[in-house]
Every structure is written in structure tokens, then in C-alpha cells.
């Protein structure tokens, strides 16, 4: 372990929430750049020792500020209050602006129970050379299709998802991801989605979303 970093003492009182959020968003962008740089490093890089030392000191800085795991995984309020929904969106691993593993994704919701986004994925999402990992292709489709299902105004969860990989999904090219509700049958919400490159479908999916069952009476 390295010695504890000599960080400046925190100022008394509370930081301005707007400025604090902007600073955090900037830090998230730096972390995304760090993730991209990490997957490009050679194993014998001479920067490894200094990199590990500096990252350890960053973690020491954060140690007293991170929220407990119990707070982050609690069932309530996510999805049940405006604050909970905003926190869920911001921390999402696919579209969360405060989650550095999420690619830059901006969701658009349609009045026709549809959802759409465009994004470009880099090396942190690589599977086969030059291609997006199939697992992340499925994750991207699941996410956008879940948002389409959510246009009904209810909290829903994925029950099943079938993905067809028509072609390789390329890195470094704009991906047009679309989803829409196909059918609503009682509690069942059937959704379709696809990913397009230059107008051609490279992956498609169909899935079933369900709302949670009402708690059984005690």
C-alpha cells in the first residue's frame, strides 16, 4: 500500500449541488477516457507502477464519500418516486450519465410507445476484433426495449429476450437502436427492437416484459 495521499481538507458546509453535479459529470467523462486508455495499454508498459499508485490514491480520496452498497441496491424508492427513477437512470450501466461504464446514450421516447437512441461504441465494448461483444448487443437491446415497455407508465421487468445477430455489430460506427411495443396482452407486454447501421438491420430482438405481481395479502 502507498502512503495516504495528502488531499486538501474538505471545506465546511455543503457544496453547491449544481456545481457538484457538473464536477461529478466531468469526473465520469475522465473515467470513461481512462477505461478506453486501459484497454489499449501493453502489459509491459512502463507507466503501470505509477498508474497503480495514482489510482490507489484516488480510491483513498473517494473512500469517505461513497454511499453504502445497501443504499444503492435497496428496492425503494427506485421506480416508485421521481427521485428514485432519476437515480436509477443516472446510474444505469447502459445510459447512466453518472456511470462511467455506460456509453454516451441519449434516449428518445415516442408517443407511439417507442424508444430510440444512437450511440457509437469503442474498444471497451469489443468482442471479436472490430465488433461489439454479443453480450453488450443484447444488453443494449434489452435496455432500449425496456424503456419502450415503460412508456405504458408502469414499472416492468424483462421476462424473456430472444436476440438474432444478423450481421456483425461494428465498433466506431453510429448505431441506431430502436424499439416499440408490439402487443399488450393483460400483464404481458411484448416488445420488438433492432440495431441498424447505415439503415441496415444488424441485430434484432423480441421480448416479454411483465410488471411485478401485487404483494399477496398477509
C-alpha atoms as a PDB file:
ATOM      1  CA  UNK A   1       0.000   0.000   0.000  1.00  0.00           C
ATOM      2  CA  UNK A   2       1.158   3.501  -0.704  1.00  0.00           C
ATOM      3  CA  UNK A   3       1.050   6.156   1.983  1.00  0.00           C
ATOM      4  CA  UNK A   4      -2.210   8.070   2.309  1.00  0.00           C
ATOM      5  CA  UNK A   5      -2.439  10.931  -0.166  1.00  0.00           C
ATOM      6  CA  UNK A   6      -2.266  14.413   1.293  1.00  0.00           C
ATOM      7  CA  UNK A   7      -5.588  15.718  -0.046  1.00  0.00           C
ATOM      8  CA  UNK A   8      -6.778  19.226   0.862  1.00  0.00           C
ATOM      9  CA  UNK A   9      -9.208  19.295   3.769  1.00  0.00           C
ATOM     10  CA  UNK A  10     -12.853  19.411   2.733  1.00  0.00           C
ATOM     11  CA  UNK A  11     -14.474  22.811   3.065  1.00  0.00           C
ATOM     12  CA  UNK A  12     -17.046  23.259   5.794  1.00  0.00           C
ATOM     13  CA  UNK A  13     -20.714  23.224   4.807  1.00  0.00           C
ATOM     14  CA  UNK A  14     -22.315  21.726   1.725  1.00  0.00           C
ATOM     15  CA  UNK A  15     -21.091  22.116  -1.838  1.00  0.00           C
ATOM     16  CA  UNK A  16     -23.345  23.826  -4.355  1.00  0.00           C
ATOM     17  CA  UNK A  17     -25.459  20.909  -5.767  1.00  0.00           C
ATOM     18  CA  UNK A  18     -25.386  22.183  -9.354  1.00  0.00           C
ATOM     19  CA  UNK A  19     -21.643  22.740  -9.393  1.00  0.00           C
ATOM     20  CA  UNK A  20     -21.032  19.457  -7.597  1.00  0.00           C
ATOM     21  CA  UNK A  21     -23.044  17.578 -10.222  1.00  0.00           C
ATOM     22  CA  UNK A  22     -21.132  19.249 -13.037  1.00  0.00           C
ATOM     23  CA  UNK A  23     -17.839  18.323 -11.395  1.00  0.00           C
ATOM     24  CA  UNK A  24     -19.015  14.736 -10.996  1.00  0.00           C
ATOM     25  CA  UNK A  25     -20.099  14.567 -14.654  1.00  0.00           C
ATOM     26  CA  UNK A  26     -16.654  15.795 -15.637  1.00  0.00           C
ATOM     27  CA  UNK A  27     -15.051  13.113 -13.453  1.00  0.00           C
ATOM     28  CA  UNK A  28     -17.243  10.460 -15.104  1.00  0.00           C
ATOM     29  CA  UNK A  29     -16.067  11.576 -18.548  1.00  0.00           C
ATOM     30  CA  UNK A  30     -12.449  11.353 -17.404  1.00  0.00           C
ATOM     31  CA  UNK A  31     -13.132   7.841 -16.095  1.00  0.00           C
ATOM     32  CA  UNK A  32     -14.633   6.796 -19.446  1.00  0.00           C
ATOM     33  CA  UNK A  33     -11.464   8.055 -21.115  1.00  0.00           C
ATOM     34  CA  UNK A  34      -9.444   6.113 -18.549  1.00  0.00           C
ATOM     35  CA  UNK A  35     -11.324   2.885 -19.345  1.00  0.00           C
ATOM     36  CA  UNK A  36     -10.626   3.383 -23.040  1.00  0.00           C
ATOM     37  CA  UNK A  37      -6.947   4.017 -22.330  1.00  0.00           C
ATOM     38  CA  UNK A  38      -6.678   0.967 -20.051  1.00  0.00           C
ATOM     39  CA  UNK A  39      -7.752  -1.485 -22.747  1.00  0.00           C
ATOM     40  CA  UNK A  40      -5.121  -0.022 -25.076  1.00  0.00           C
ATOM     41  CA  UNK A  41      -2.143  -0.406 -22.735  1.00  0.00           C
ATOM     42  CA  UNK A  42       0.540  -3.011 -23.331  1.00  0.00           C
ATOM     43  CA  UNK A  43       1.121  -5.371 -20.418  1.00  0.00           C
ATOM     44  CA  UNK A  44       4.758  -4.296 -20.147  1.00  0.00           C
ATOM     45  CA  UNK A  45       4.038  -0.561 -20.135  1.00  0.00           C
ATOM     46  CA  UNK A  46       6.472   1.431 -18.018  1.00  0.00           C
ATOM     47  CA  UNK A  47       3.538   3.506 -16.741  1.00  0.00           C
ATOM     48  CA  UNK A  48       1.967   0.583 -14.842  1.00  0.00           C
ATOM     49  CA  UNK A  49       3.565   1.226 -11.434  1.00  0.00           C
ATOM     50  CA  UNK A  50       2.808   4.943 -11.411  1.00  0.00           C
ATOM     51  CA  UNK A  51      -0.697   4.321 -12.754  1.00  0.00           C
ATOM     52  CA  UNK A  52      -1.482   1.878  -9.933  1.00  0.00           C
ATOM     53  CA  UNK A  53      -0.122   4.301  -7.346  1.00  0.00           C
ATOM     54  CA  UNK A  54      -2.183   7.234  -8.615  1.00  0.00           C
ATOM     55  CA  UNK A  55      -5.370   5.210  -8.878  1.00  0.00           C
ATOM     56  CA  UNK A  56      -4.893   3.938  -5.338  1.00  0.00           C
ATOM     57  CA  UNK A  57      -4.685   7.499  -4.103  1.00  0.00           C
ATOM     58  CA  UNK A  58      -7.888   8.379  -5.986  1.00  0.00           C
ATOM     59  CA  UNK A  59      -9.670   5.499  -4.268  1.00  0.00           C
ATOM     60  CA  UNK A  60      -8.414   6.771  -0.911  1.00  0.00           C
ATOM     61  CA  UNK A  61      -9.932  10.155  -1.733  1.00  0.00           C
ATOM     62  CA  UNK A  62     -13.299   8.557  -2.505  1.00  0.00           C
ATOM     63  CA  UNK A  63     -13.382   6.194   0.476  1.00  0.00           C
ATOM     64  CA  UNK A  64     -15.192   8.617   2.796  1.00  0.00           C
ATOM     65  CA  UNK A  65     -17.658   9.801   0.146  1.00  0.00           C
ATOM     66  CA  UNK A  66     -19.100   6.690  -1.495  1.00  0.00           C
ATOM     67  CA  UNK A  67     -22.588   5.563  -0.498  1.00  0.00           C
ATOM     68  CA  UNK A  68     -23.042   2.192   1.226  1.00  0.00           C
ATOM     69  CA  UNK A  69     -23.971  -0.733  -1.006  1.00  0.00           C
ATOM     70  CA  UNK A  70     -27.211  -1.120   0.983  1.00  0.00           C
ATOM     71  CA  UNK A  71     -28.313   2.338  -0.143  1.00  0.00           C
ATOM     72  CA  UNK A  72     -27.558   1.652  -3.795  1.00  0.00           C
ATOM     73  CA  UNK A  73     -29.408  -1.679  -4.042  1.00  0.00           C
ATOM     74  CA  UNK A  74     -32.495  -1.024  -1.937  1.00  0.00           C
ATOM     75  CA  UNK A  75     -35.815  -1.734  -3.614  1.00  0.00           C
ATOM     76  CA  UNK A  76     -37.434   1.508  -2.544  1.00  0.00           C
ATOM     77  CA  UNK A  77     -37.566   4.235  -3.836  1.00  0.00           C
ATOM     78  CA  UNK A  78     -36.237   3.243  -7.339  1.00  0.00           C
ATOM     79  CA  UNK A  79     -39.115   3.312  -9.809  1.00  0.00           C
ATOM     80  CA  UNK A  80     -41.649   4.409  -7.222  1.00  0.00           C
ATOM     81  CA  UNK A  81     -40.724   8.075  -6.846  1.00  0.00           C
ATOM     82  CA  UNK A  82     -39.368  10.727  -9.194  1.00  0.00           C
ATOM     83  CA  UNK A  83     -36.133  10.792  -7.170  1.00  0.00           C
ATOM     84  CA  UNK A  84     -35.803   7.030  -7.407  1.00  0.00           C
ATOM     85  CA  UNK A  85     -36.404   6.965 -11.168  1.00  0.00           C
ATOM     86  CA  UNK A  86     -33.863   9.752 -11.746  1.00  0.00           C
ATOM     87  CA  UNK A  87     -31.268   7.971  -9.616  1.00  0.00           C
ATOM     88  CA  UNK A  88     -31.885   4.712 -11.494  1.00  0.00           C
ATOM     89  CA  UNK A  89     -31.484   6.425 -14.877  1.00  0.00           C
ATOM     90  CA  UNK A  90     -28.346   8.289 -13.831  1.00  0.00           C
ATOM     91  CA  UNK A  91     -26.645   5.113 -12.514  1.00  0.00           C
ATOM     92  CA  UNK A  92     -27.713   2.751 -15.315  1.00  0.00           C
ATOM     93  CA  UNK A  93     -24.826   0.736 -16.845  1.00  0.00           C
ATOM     94  CA  UNK A  94     -26.225   1.442 -20.318  1.00  0.00           C
ATOM     95  CA  UNK A  95     -27.456   5.037 -20.326  1.00  0.00           C
ATOM     96  CA  UNK A  96     -26.485   6.429 -16.927  1.00  0.00           C
ATOM     97  CA  UNK A  97     -24.673   9.741 -17.213  1.00  0.00           C
ATOM     98  CA  UNK A  98     -23.127   9.112 -13.791  1.00  0.00           C
ATOM     99  CA  UNK A  99     -21.961   5.588 -14.624  1.00  0.00           C
ATOM    100  CA  UNK A 100     -18.576   5.558 -16.400  1.00  0.00           C
ATOM    101  CA  UNK A 101     -19.102   2.109 -17.946  1.00  0.00           C
ATOM    102  CA  UNK A 102     -22.178   3.407 -19.788  1.00  0.00           C
ATOM    103  CA  UNK A 103     -21.542   4.625 -23.335  1.00  0.00           C
ATOM    104  CA  UNK A 104     -22.862   8.036 -24.367  1.00  0.00           C
ATOM    105  CA  UNK A 105     -26.552   7.261 -24.949  1.00  0.00           C
ATOM    106  CA  UNK A 106     -29.417   9.740 -25.251  1.00  0.00           C
ATOM    107  CA  UNK A 107     -32.863   8.123 -25.160  1.00  0.00           C
ATOM    108  CA  UNK A 108     -35.833   9.490 -27.092  1.00  0.00           C
ATOM    109  CA  UNK A 109     -39.307   8.305 -26.173  1.00  0.00           C
ATOM    110  CA  UNK A 110     -42.099   8.319 -28.784  1.00  0.00           C
ATOM    111  CA  UNK A 111     -45.811   8.914 -28.352  1.00  0.00           C
ATOM    112  CA  UNK A 112     -46.355   5.618 -30.214  1.00  0.00           C
ATOM    113  CA  UNK A 113     -44.879   3.559 -27.327  1.00  0.00           C
ATOM    114  CA  UNK A 114     -41.441   3.531 -28.921  1.00  0.00           C
ATOM    115  CA  UNK A 115     -37.922   4.356 -27.810  1.00  0.00           C
ATOM    116  CA  UNK A 116     -34.816   5.187 -29.808  1.00  0.00           C
ATOM    117  CA  UNK A 117     -31.186   6.104 -29.345  1.00  0.00           C
ATOM    118  CA  UNK A 118     -27.978   6.438 -31.297  1.00  0.00           C
ATOM    119  CA  UNK A 119     -24.563   5.625 -29.921  1.00  0.00           C
ATOM    120  CA  UNK A 120     -21.055   4.750 -31.051  1.00  0.00           C
ATOM    121  CA  UNK A 121     -19.135   2.090 -29.129  1.00  0.00           C
ATOM    122  CA  UNK A 122     -15.368   1.882 -28.726  1.00  0.00           C
ATOM    123  CA  UNK A 123     -12.806  -0.661 -27.578  1.00  0.00           C
ATOM    124  CA  UNK A 124     -14.154  -1.225 -24.038  1.00  0.00           C
ATOM    125  CA  UNK A 125     -17.128  -2.967 -25.704  1.00  0.00           C
ATOM    126  CA  UNK A 126     -15.136  -5.110 -28.136  1.00  0.00           C
ATOM    127  CA  UNK A 127     -15.769  -8.837 -28.535  1.00  0.00           C
ATOM    128  CA  UNK A 128     -14.354 -10.243 -31.769  1.00  0.00           C
ATOM    129  CA  UNK A 129     -11.839  -7.813 -33.335  1.00  0.00           C
ATOM    130  CA  UNK A 130     -13.595  -4.688 -34.541  1.00  0.00           C
ATOM    131  CA  UNK A 131     -17.010  -5.911 -33.379  1.00  0.00           C
ATOM    132  CA  UNK A 132     -19.233  -5.166 -30.403  1.00  0.00           C
ATOM    133  CA  UNK A 133     -19.395  -8.031 -27.883  1.00  0.00           C
ATOM    134  CA  UNK A 134     -22.594 -10.014 -28.404  1.00  0.00           C
ATOM    135  CA  UNK A 135     -23.465  -9.756 -24.728  1.00  0.00           C
ATOM    136  CA  UNK A 136     -23.433  -5.981 -24.896  1.00  0.00           C
ATOM    137  CA  UNK A 137     -25.509  -6.049 -28.092  1.00  0.00           C
ATOM    138  CA  UNK A 138     -28.152  -7.950 -26.107  1.00  0.00           C
ATOM    139  CA  UNK A 139     -27.782  -5.548 -23.177  1.00  0.00           C
ATOM    140  CA  UNK A 140     -28.297  -2.528 -25.429  1.00  0.00           C
ATOM    141  CA  UNK A 141     -31.420  -4.063 -26.965  1.00  0.00           C
ATOM    142  CA  UNK A 142     -32.786  -5.117 -23.569  1.00  0.00           C
ATOM    143  CA  UNK A 143     -32.308  -1.588 -22.265  1.00  0.00           C
ATOM    144  CA  UNK A 144     -33.978   0.301 -25.103  1.00  0.00           C
ATOM    145  CA  UNK A 145     -36.803  -2.272 -25.292  1.00  0.00           C
ATOM    146  CA  UNK A 146     -37.357  -1.916 -21.561  1.00  0.00           C
ATOM    147  CA  UNK A 147     -37.763   1.811 -21.992  1.00  0.00           C
ATOM    148  CA  UNK A 148     -40.289   1.246 -24.790  1.00  0.00           C
ATOM    149  CA  UNK A 149     -42.256  -1.058 -22.477  1.00  0.00           C
ATOM    150  CA  UNK A 150     -42.031   1.602 -19.800  1.00  0.00           C
ATOM    151  CA  UNK A 151     -43.898   4.116 -21.975  1.00  0.00           C
ATOM    152  CA  UNK A 152     -47.066   2.452 -20.661  1.00  0.00           C
ATOM    153  CA  UNK A 153     -46.352   4.235 -17.400  1.00  0.00           C
ATOM    154  CA  UNK A 154     -45.815   1.121 -15.309  1.00  0.00           C
ATOM    155  CA  UNK A 155     -42.718  -0.444 -13.730  1.00  0.00           C
ATOM    156  CA  UNK A 156     -41.868  -3.551 -15.799  1.00  0.00           C
ATOM    157  CA  UNK A 157     -39.119  -6.174 -15.868  1.00  0.00           C
ATOM    158  CA  UNK A 158     -37.689  -8.383 -18.604  1.00  0.00           C
ATOM    159  CA  UNK A 159     -39.204 -11.881 -18.556  1.00  0.00           C
ATOM    160  CA  UNK A 160     -37.599 -13.218 -21.736  1.00  0.00           C
ATOM    161  CA  UNK A 161     -35.477 -11.884 -24.577  1.00  0.00           C
ATOM    162  CA  UNK A 162     -34.528 -13.527 -27.872  1.00  0.00           C
ATOM    163  CA  UNK A 163     -31.784 -11.878 -29.930  1.00  0.00           C
ATOM    164  CA  UNK A 164     -30.909 -12.595 -33.558  1.00  0.00           C
ATOM    165  CA  UNK A 165     -27.493 -11.467 -34.741  1.00  0.00           C
ATOM    166  CA  UNK A 166     -27.964 -10.825 -38.461  1.00  0.00           C
ATOM    167  CA  UNK A 167     -24.519  -9.304 -39.014  1.00  0.00           C
ATOM    168  CA  UNK A 168     -21.519  -8.179 -37.002  1.00  0.00           C
ATOM    169  CA  UNK A 169     -22.216  -5.019 -34.999  1.00  0.00           C
ATOM    170  CA  UNK A 170     -19.221  -2.766 -35.709  1.00  0.00           C
ATOM    171  CA  UNK A 171     -17.219  -0.619 -33.340  1.00  0.00           C
ATOM    172  CA  UNK A 172     -16.641   3.075 -34.100  1.00  0.00           C
ATOM    173  CA  UNK A 173     -19.753   3.414 -36.279  1.00  0.00           C
ATOM    174  CA  UNK A 174     -23.041   5.100 -35.336  1.00  0.00           C
ATOM    175  CA  UNK A 175     -25.613   2.579 -34.153  1.00  0.00           C
ATOM    176  CA  UNK A 176     -29.313   3.385 -34.478  1.00  0.00           C
ATOM    177  CA  UNK A 177     -31.166   1.432 -31.777  1.00  0.00           C
ATOM    178  CA  UNK A 178     -34.968   1.302 -31.914  1.00  0.00           C
ATOM    179  CA  UNK A 179     -37.747  -0.438 -30.001  1.00  0.00           C
ATOM    180  CA  UNK A 180     -41.529  -0.402 -29.875  1.00  0.00           C
ATOM    181  CA  UNK A 181     -44.366  -2.174 -28.139  1.00  0.00           C
ATOM    182  CA  UNK A 182     -45.733  -4.881 -30.397  1.00  0.00           C
ATOM    183  CA  UNK A 183     -48.626  -6.106 -28.277  1.00  0.00           C
ATOM    184  CA  UNK A 184     -50.153  -5.800 -24.820  1.00  0.00           C
ATOM    185  CA  UNK A 185     -51.987  -8.876 -23.551  1.00  0.00           C
ATOM    186  CA  UNK A 186     -53.131  -8.420 -19.977  1.00  0.00           C
ATOM    187  CA  UNK A 187     -49.978  -8.198 -17.868  1.00  0.00           C
ATOM    188  CA  UNK A 188     -47.823  -9.241 -20.817  1.00  0.00           C
ATOM    189  CA  UNK A 189     -46.024  -6.539 -22.807  1.00  0.00           C
ATOM    190  CA  UNK A 190     -44.390  -7.817 -25.993  1.00  0.00           C
ATOM    191  CA  UNK A 191     -41.652  -5.598 -27.408  1.00  0.00           C
ATOM    192  CA  UNK A 192     -39.512  -5.706 -30.548  1.00  0.00           C
ATOM    193  CA  UNK A 193     -36.233  -3.905 -31.172  1.00  0.00           C
ATOM    194  CA  UNK A 194     -33.347  -3.697 -33.592  1.00  0.00           C
ATOM    195  CA  UNK A 195     -29.949  -2.138 -34.180  1.00  0.00           C
ATOM    196  CA  UNK A 196     -29.209  -0.565 -37.547  1.00  0.00           C
ATOM    197  CA  UNK A 197     -26.017   0.576 -39.234  1.00  0.00           C
ATOM    198  CA  UNK A 198     -26.404   2.821 -42.285  1.00  0.00           C
ATOM    199  CA  UNK A 199     -30.059   1.822 -42.408  1.00  0.00           C
ATOM    200  CA  UNK A 200     -29.439  -1.940 -42.417  1.00  0.00           C
ATOM    201  CA  UNK A 201     -30.525  -4.143 -39.505  1.00  0.00           C
ATOM    202  CA  UNK A 202     -27.545  -5.906 -37.902  1.00  0.00           C
ATOM    203  CA  UNK A 203     -29.311  -7.307 -34.819  1.00  0.00           C
ATOM    204  CA  UNK A 204     -32.923  -7.685 -33.762  1.00  0.00           C
ATOM    205  CA  UNK A 205     -34.818  -8.906 -30.721  1.00  0.00           C
ATOM    206  CA  UNK A 206     -38.245  -9.741 -29.356  1.00  0.00           C
ATOM    207  CA  UNK A 207     -39.030  -9.968 -25.689  1.00  0.00           C
ATOM    208  CA  UNK A 208     -41.642 -10.159 -22.992  1.00  0.00           C
ATOM    209  CA  UNK A 209     -41.913  -7.626 -20.171  1.00  0.00           C
ATOM    210  CA  UNK A 210     -44.063  -8.027 -17.070  1.00  0.00           C
ATOM    211  CA  UNK A 211     -44.973  -5.739 -14.163  1.00  0.00           C
ATOM    212  CA  UNK A 212     -44.284  -7.121 -10.671  1.00  0.00           C
ATOM    213  CA  UNK A 213     -47.153  -9.040  -9.155  1.00  0.00           C
ATOM    214  CA  UNK A 214     -49.059  -7.307  -6.401  1.00  0.00           C
ATOM    215  CA  UNK A 215     -47.953  -8.488  -2.987  1.00  0.00           C
ATOM    216  CA  UNK A 216     -50.068 -11.314  -1.678  1.00  0.00           C
ATOM    217  CA  UNK A 217     -52.230 -10.359   1.301  1.00  0.00           C
ATOM    218  CA  UNK A 218     -50.664 -11.328   4.637  1.00  0.00           C
END
